[in-house]
Protein backbone atom coordinates (compact mmCIF):
# COMPACT_ATOMS: atom_id res chain seq x y z
CA UNK A 1 236.81 111.58 70.08
CA UNK A 2 235.60 109.60 73.03
CA UNK A 3 236.56 111.53 76.00
CA UNK A 4 235.89 111.55 80.19
CA UNK A 5 234.93 115.25 81.11
CA UNK A 6 234.12 116.61 84.20
CA UNK A 7 231.12 119.99 84.14
CA UNK A 8 231.27 121.31 88.08
CA UNK A 9 233.48 120.73 90.52
CA UNK A 10 233.21 117.23 92.35
CA UNK A 11 233.74 113.81 92.73
CA UNK A 12 234.14 110.65 90.73
CA UNK A 13 230.13 111.36 90.25
CA UNK A 14 230.97 114.67 87.99
CA UNK A 15 232.56 112.28 85.61
CA UNK A 16 230.75 111.81 82.07
CA UNK A 17 231.52 110.22 78.85
CA UNK A 18 231.22 112.46 75.67
CA UNK A 19 232.22 112.48 71.97
CA UNK A 20 234.49 116.05 71.34
CA UNK A 21 235.86 117.36 68.40
CA UNK A 22 239.68 116.69 67.53
CA UNK A 23 241.98 118.94 69.76
CA UNK A 24 243.90 122.13 67.85
CA UNK A 25 247.39 121.78 67.39
CA UNK A 26 250.29 124.92 67.31
CA UNK A 27 252.92 124.57 65.51
CA UNK A 28 254.92 124.04 68.53
CA UNK A 29 252.27 121.42 69.92
CA UNK A 30 252.31 117.47 69.13
CA UNK A 31 248.91 115.84 68.50
CA UNK A 32 249.02 112.56 70.40
CA UNK A 33 246.90 109.61 70.49
CA UNK A 34 246.60 108.11 74.09
CA UNK A 35 246.87 104.56 74.65
CA UNK A 36 247.37 104.80 78.29
CA UNK A 37 246.21 107.68 81.13
CA UNK A 38 247.85 107.23 84.98
CA UNK A 39 245.85 108.62 87.63
CA UNK A 40 247.56 110.52 90.21
CA UNK A 41 245.88 111.77 93.55
CA UNK A 42 246.18 115.44 92.02
CA UNK A 43 243.60 115.11 89.39
CA UNK A 44 240.95 114.18 92.37
CA UNK A 45 242.15 117.69 94.99
CA UNK A 46 241.96 120.09 90.99
CA UNK A 47 238.29 117.76 90.46
CA UNK A 48 237.12 118.65 93.40
CA UNK A 49 238.29 122.72 93.52
CA UNK A 50 241.26 122.46 96.00
CA UNK A 51 242.90 125.07 93.95
CA UNK A 52 239.72 127.10 91.87
CA UNK A 53 241.59 129.94 93.32
CA UNK A 54 245.30 129.23 92.12
CA UNK A 55 244.15 127.32 88.72
CA UNK A 56 241.93 128.81 85.74
CA UNK A 57 239.34 126.59 85.08
CA UNK A 58 237.35 126.42 82.02
CA UNK A 59 234.63 123.55 81.89
CA UNK A 60 234.33 121.33 80.41
CA UNK A 61 237.62 120.17 81.94
CA UNK A 62 239.20 116.64 80.66
CA UNK A 63 240.84 115.37 83.55
CA UNK A 64 245.00 113.90 83.86
CA UNK A 65 248.40 114.81 83.20
CA UNK A 66 250.40 111.58 82.50
CA UNK A 67 249.66 109.84 79.49
CA UNK A 68 251.77 107.52 76.99
CA UNK A 69 250.40 107.87 73.62
CA UNK A 70 252.09 107.58 69.96
CA UNK A 71 252.19 110.62 67.81
CA UNK A 72 249.28 111.44 65.64
CA UNK A 73 250.83 114.54 63.93
CA UNK A 74 253.84 116.64 64.77
CA UNK A 75 253.87 120.36 64.80
CA UNK A 76 255.63 122.46 62.52
CA UNK A 77 257.83 123.26 64.75
CA UNK A 78 258.41 119.79 66.59
CA UNK A 79 261.62 118.25 64.73
CA UNK A 80 261.87 116.16 67.43
CA UNK A 81 258.63 114.04 66.95
CA UNK A 82 257.75 112.28 63.86
CA UNK A 83 254.30 110.52 63.55
CA UNK A 84 254.66 107.13 64.66
CA UNK A 85 256.95 108.03 67.94
CA UNK A 86 256.33 106.44 71.38
CA UNK A 87 255.72 109.08 74.11
CA UNK A 88 255.46 109.76 77.22
CA UNK A 89 254.26 113.34 78.63
CA UNK A 90 253.25 115.08 81.78
CA UNK A 91 250.75 117.31 80.57
CA UNK A 92 249.45 119.98 83.00
CA UNK A 93 249.03 123.38 82.08
CA UNK A 94 248.97 127.01 83.65
CA UNK A 95 245.01 126.69 83.33
CA UNK A 96 242.20 123.24 83.17
CA UNK A 97 240.05 122.83 80.22
CA UNK A 98 239.74 120.23 78.20
CA UNK A 99 243.03 119.44 77.04
CA UNK A 100 243.98 116.18 80.12
CA UNK A 101 245.00 112.94 79.41
CA UNK A 102 241.40 110.76 79.27
CA UNK A 103 240.74 110.94 75.88
CA UNK A 104 241.09 109.21 72.77
CA UNK A 105 243.74 112.38 71.61
CA UNK A 106 245.56 115.18 73.18
CA UNK A 107 247.30 117.98 71.92
CA UNK A 108 250.53 118.61 73.87
CA UNK A 109 253.19 121.40 74.10
CA UNK A 110 256.29 120.06 73.09
CA UNK A 111 257.97 120.73 76.20
CA UNK A 112 256.21 118.01 77.88
CA UNK A 113 257.08 114.97 76.18
CA UNK A 114 259.62 112.28 75.98
CA UNK A 115 260.21 109.23 73.83
CA UNK A 116 258.83 106.59 76.00
CA UNK A 117 260.71 103.95 77.82
CA UNK A 118 260.79 100.79 74.79
CA UNK A 119 261.01 98.33 77.96
CA UNK A 120 258.36 99.14 79.20
CA UNK A 121 254.44 99.18 77.68
CA UNK A 122 252.44 101.87 77.42
CA UNK A 123 250.05 100.79 80.49
CA UNK A 124 253.65 101.12 82.94
CA UNK A 125 255.27 104.03 81.03
CA UNK A 126 251.96 106.38 82.03
CA UNK A 127 252.82 105.96 85.19
CA UNK A 128 256.55 107.92 85.12
CA UNK A 129 255.69 110.84 84.60
CA UNK A 130 254.70 112.93 87.68
CA UNK A 131 255.79 110.19 90.01
CA UNK A 132 258.49 109.72 88.47
CA UNK A 133 259.62 113.53 88.16
CA UNK A 134 258.69 114.21 91.87
CA UNK A 135 260.78 111.31 93.19
CA UNK A 136 263.83 112.00 90.99
CA UNK A 137 263.86 116.40 91.97
CA UNK A 138 263.56 114.99 95.19
CA UNK A 139 266.04 112.48 95.40
CA UNK A 140 268.31 114.40 93.30
CA UNK A 141 267.97 117.68 93.12
CA UNK A 142 266.67 118.58 96.93
CA UNK A 143 268.11 115.76 98.41
CA UNK A 144 271.11 114.51 96.59
CA UNK A 145 271.46 111.27 97.63
CA UNK A 146 274.34 109.51 96.56
CA UNK A 147 276.55 106.95 97.60
CA UNK A 148 277.66 106.32 101.29
CA UNK A 149 274.72 108.06 102.07
CA UNK A 150 271.43 106.73 104.30
CA UNK A 151 268.70 108.32 102.88
CA UNK A 152 264.59 108.04 104.70
CA UNK A 153 261.79 107.31 103.14
CA UNK A 154 257.98 107.78 104.31
CA UNK A 155 255.93 105.86 101.92
CA UNK A 156 257.81 103.89 100.22
CA UNK A 157 255.51 101.64 98.72
CA UNK A 158 253.50 104.40 97.77
CA UNK A 159 253.74 105.89 93.76
CA UNK A 160 256.33 108.46 94.84
CA UNK A 161 258.10 106.79 97.22
CA UNK A 162 258.56 103.45 95.57
CA UNK A 163 260.26 105.06 92.32
CA UNK A 164 262.60 107.65 94.94
CA UNK A 165 263.81 104.06 96.52
CA UNK A 166 264.92 103.12 93.34
CA UNK A 167 266.35 106.50 91.88
CA UNK A 168 268.58 106.46 94.66
CA UNK A 169 269.34 103.17 95.23
CA UNK A 170 270.64 103.90 91.48
CA UNK A 171 272.92 106.33 92.80
CA UNK A 172 274.40 103.86 95.58
CA UNK A 173 272.46 105.30 98.20
CA UNK A 174 271.36 103.36 101.30
CA UNK A 175 267.30 103.29 101.41
CA UNK A 176 265.04 102.57 104.55
CA UNK A 177 261.52 103.04 103.95
CA UNK A 178 258.41 103.10 106.39
CA UNK A 179 255.67 100.55 104.54
CA UNK A 180 252.40 98.06 105.39
CA UNK A 181 253.78 94.62 106.44
CA UNK A 182 252.14 93.50 102.97
CA UNK A 183 254.81 95.86 101.48
CA UNK A 184 257.67 94.88 103.16
CA UNK A 185 258.94 91.58 100.70
CA UNK A 186 258.12 94.27 97.74
CA UNK A 187 261.14 97.08 99.23
CA UNK A 188 263.18 94.02 99.95
CA UNK A 189 262.84 93.47 95.92
CA UNK A 190 263.74 97.16 95.68
CA UNK A 191 266.40 96.99 97.08
CA UNK A 192 265.83 98.92 100.75
CA UNK A 193 265.33 97.56 104.22
CA UNK A 194 261.35 98.14 105.53
CA UNK A 195 260.25 99.02 108.99
CA UNK A 196 256.40 99.06 109.68
CA UNK A 197 254.64 102.43 110.00
CA UNK A 198 253.34 103.50 113.41
CA UNK A 199 254.61 103.56 117.36
CA UNK A 200 258.65 102.92 117.43
CA UNK A 201 258.91 103.43 113.62
CA UNK A 202 261.62 105.89 114.52
CA UNK A 203 263.24 103.40 117.10
CA UNK A 204 263.44 100.57 114.26
CA UNK A 205 265.26 103.33 111.91
CA UNK A 206 267.81 104.05 114.52
CA UNK A 207 268.07 100.29 115.28
CA UNK A 208 269.13 99.63 111.16
CA UNK A 209 271.00 103.57 111.51
CA UNK A 210 272.59 104.23 114.34
CA UNK A 211 274.19 107.37 113.46
CA UNK A 212 270.87 108.77 112.10
CA UNK A 213 269.89 109.27 108.83
CA UNK A 214 271.89 111.35 106.30
CA UNK A 215 267.99 112.55 104.75
CA UNK A 216 264.23 111.65 104.59
CA UNK A 217 261.37 112.02 102.10
CA UNK A 218 257.98 112.32 103.38
CA UNK A 219 254.98 111.44 101.14
CA UNK A 220 252.75 110.55 103.74
CA UNK A 221 252.12 113.37 105.67
CA UNK A 222 249.83 113.47 108.73
CA UNK A 223 252.44 113.54 111.13
CA UNK A 224 254.37 110.85 110.28
CA UNK A 225 257.10 113.17 109.69
CA UNK A 226 256.96 114.31 113.29
CA UNK A 227 256.78 110.81 114.98
CA UNK A 228 259.58 109.50 112.54
CA UNK A 229 262.09 113.29 113.69
CA UNK A 230 265.04 111.68 115.77
CA UNK A 231 265.31 109.04 113.39
CA UNK A 232 267.45 111.49 111.18
CA UNK A 233 270.89 112.72 112.08
CA UNK A 234 271.68 116.61 113.29
CA UNK A 235 271.89 118.72 110.09
CA UNK A 236 270.09 115.69 108.00
CA UNK A 237 268.18 116.83 105.04
CA UNK A 238 264.43 116.69 105.04
CA UNK A 239 261.78 117.50 102.07
CA UNK A 240 258.04 116.86 101.95
CA UNK A 241 255.50 116.46 98.99
CA UNK A 242 253.01 116.47 101.62
CA UNK A 243 253.92 118.66 104.39
CA UNK A 244 254.01 121.91 102.64
CA UNK A 245 255.16 124.21 104.91
CA UNK A 246 256.25 122.25 108.19
CA UNK A 247 259.85 123.88 109.94
CA UNK A 248 262.62 122.91 108.74
CA UNK A 249 261.52 121.25 105.49
CA UNK A 250 261.96 122.41 101.82
CA UNK A 251 258.90 121.05 100.25
CA UNK A 252 259.29 119.18 96.93
CA UNK A 253 256.47 120.01 93.72
CA UNK A 254 256.70 118.55 90.60
CA UNK A 255 258.22 120.57 87.47
CA UNK A 256 258.10 119.61 84.27
CA UNK A 257 261.57 119.21 83.10
CA UNK A 258 262.14 117.72 79.85
CA UNK A 259 266.46 116.46 81.17
CA UNK A 260 265.24 115.05 84.15
CA UNK A 261 262.10 113.30 82.27
CA UNK A 262 264.66 111.34 80.14
CA UNK A 263 266.80 110.82 82.90
CA UNK A 264 263.82 108.60 84.29
CA UNK A 265 263.34 107.26 80.80
CA UNK A 266 267.00 106.13 81.28
CA UNK A 267 267.03 104.34 84.71
CA UNK A 268 264.10 102.42 83.28
CA UNK A 269 265.33 101.96 80.31
CA UNK A 270 268.56 100.23 82.20
CA UNK A 271 266.25 98.47 84.30
CA UNK A 272 266.73 100.42 87.06
CA UNK A 273 263.53 101.91 87.23
CA UNK A 274 259.99 99.33 87.40
CA UNK A 275 256.32 100.74 87.90
CA UNK A 276 254.17 98.55 90.13
CA UNK A 277 250.48 98.41 88.29
CA UNK A 278 247.91 98.14 90.93
CA UNK A 279 244.69 98.32 88.69
CA UNK A 280 243.60 99.00 85.14
CA UNK A 281 240.18 100.37 83.98
CA UNK A 282 239.00 101.37 80.56
CA UNK A 283 237.79 105.06 79.67
CA UNK A 284 234.30 104.03 80.22
CA UNK A 285 234.75 102.81 83.33
CA UNK A 286 236.94 106.07 84.45
CA UNK A 287 234.61 107.48 87.45
CA UNK A 288 234.89 103.56 88.73
CA UNK A 289 238.80 103.90 88.86
CA UNK A 290 239.03 107.31 90.26
CA UNK A 291 236.64 105.54 92.89
CA UNK A 292 239.00 103.33 93.89
CA UNK A 293 242.05 105.99 93.66
CA UNK A 294 240.39 107.56 96.46
CA UNK A 295 239.50 104.47 98.64
CA UNK A 296 242.95 103.93 98.73
CA UNK A 297 244.56 100.41 98.85
CA UNK A 298 245.83 99.48 95.90
CA UNK A 299 249.14 98.46 95.99
CA UNK A 300 250.23 100.62 92.63
CA UNK A 301 249.56 102.76 90.44
CA UNK A 302 245.30 103.32 88.91
CA UNK A 303 245.61 103.22 85.18
CA UNK A 304 242.80 103.73 82.43
CA UNK A 305 243.86 102.49 79.43
CA UNK A 306 241.93 103.90 75.75
CA UNK A 307 242.53 102.50 72.33
């Protein structure tokens, strides 16, 4: 099968195209023919060796955790799926090895897969797993945003931020989001109220919510949470996917949970969750796609299309 791998830590320059044997499957794993795989900043961090002390790595590594594809062959103990089923998955393993999404085929643990939203293309659906799980778990489980409450999302135009906005709105919460000027209209289409980054952001939030917001989700880091701290009401719940370890802030880490990912799929099928695709690249241009991700500035998910 065709795949993209890296055999040492580094940036996009260490990626190489190669041919690998078809992945082996166990009784509780599913062979999936990948149609699309979304890129995430975590891919770049792992590839650079940022978690070498915490994650066992066996080269060559096929990167990519987010996939959308079609079941090629179910395992003997996977009655949930049949050949031909359309699925999405968050295929992160406990170790890094040749089992990621940037390949024609991937052997995925059945616990990492759910059905693909019928309302989305493979390209769109591939952007749901990591960002959707992170946003859902932050908004629902950590912050409990709901009707009658106001949520401030820092970085509301990004992958996790935009999904967090939509999930919170689906629960009846009011949402204010910090975004760059180019994304103000986009944020309004999601039902949120935009506020610009930079000096005075907290004051602008207070103008919209004089009593302060009930909850804050930081998806940016870099001190933005501190800069907007006084926009929060006393006792406000604060979570971050970026400033891990900040005092009084609950860290949010993505965890595969089939019930949560299924809930994300159901929101998408109900028309309450949309994915913005910024750019697509074929598998052979994966390094170029990674460079675009590292450079930033792409308004939406970057996706590798396969097959």
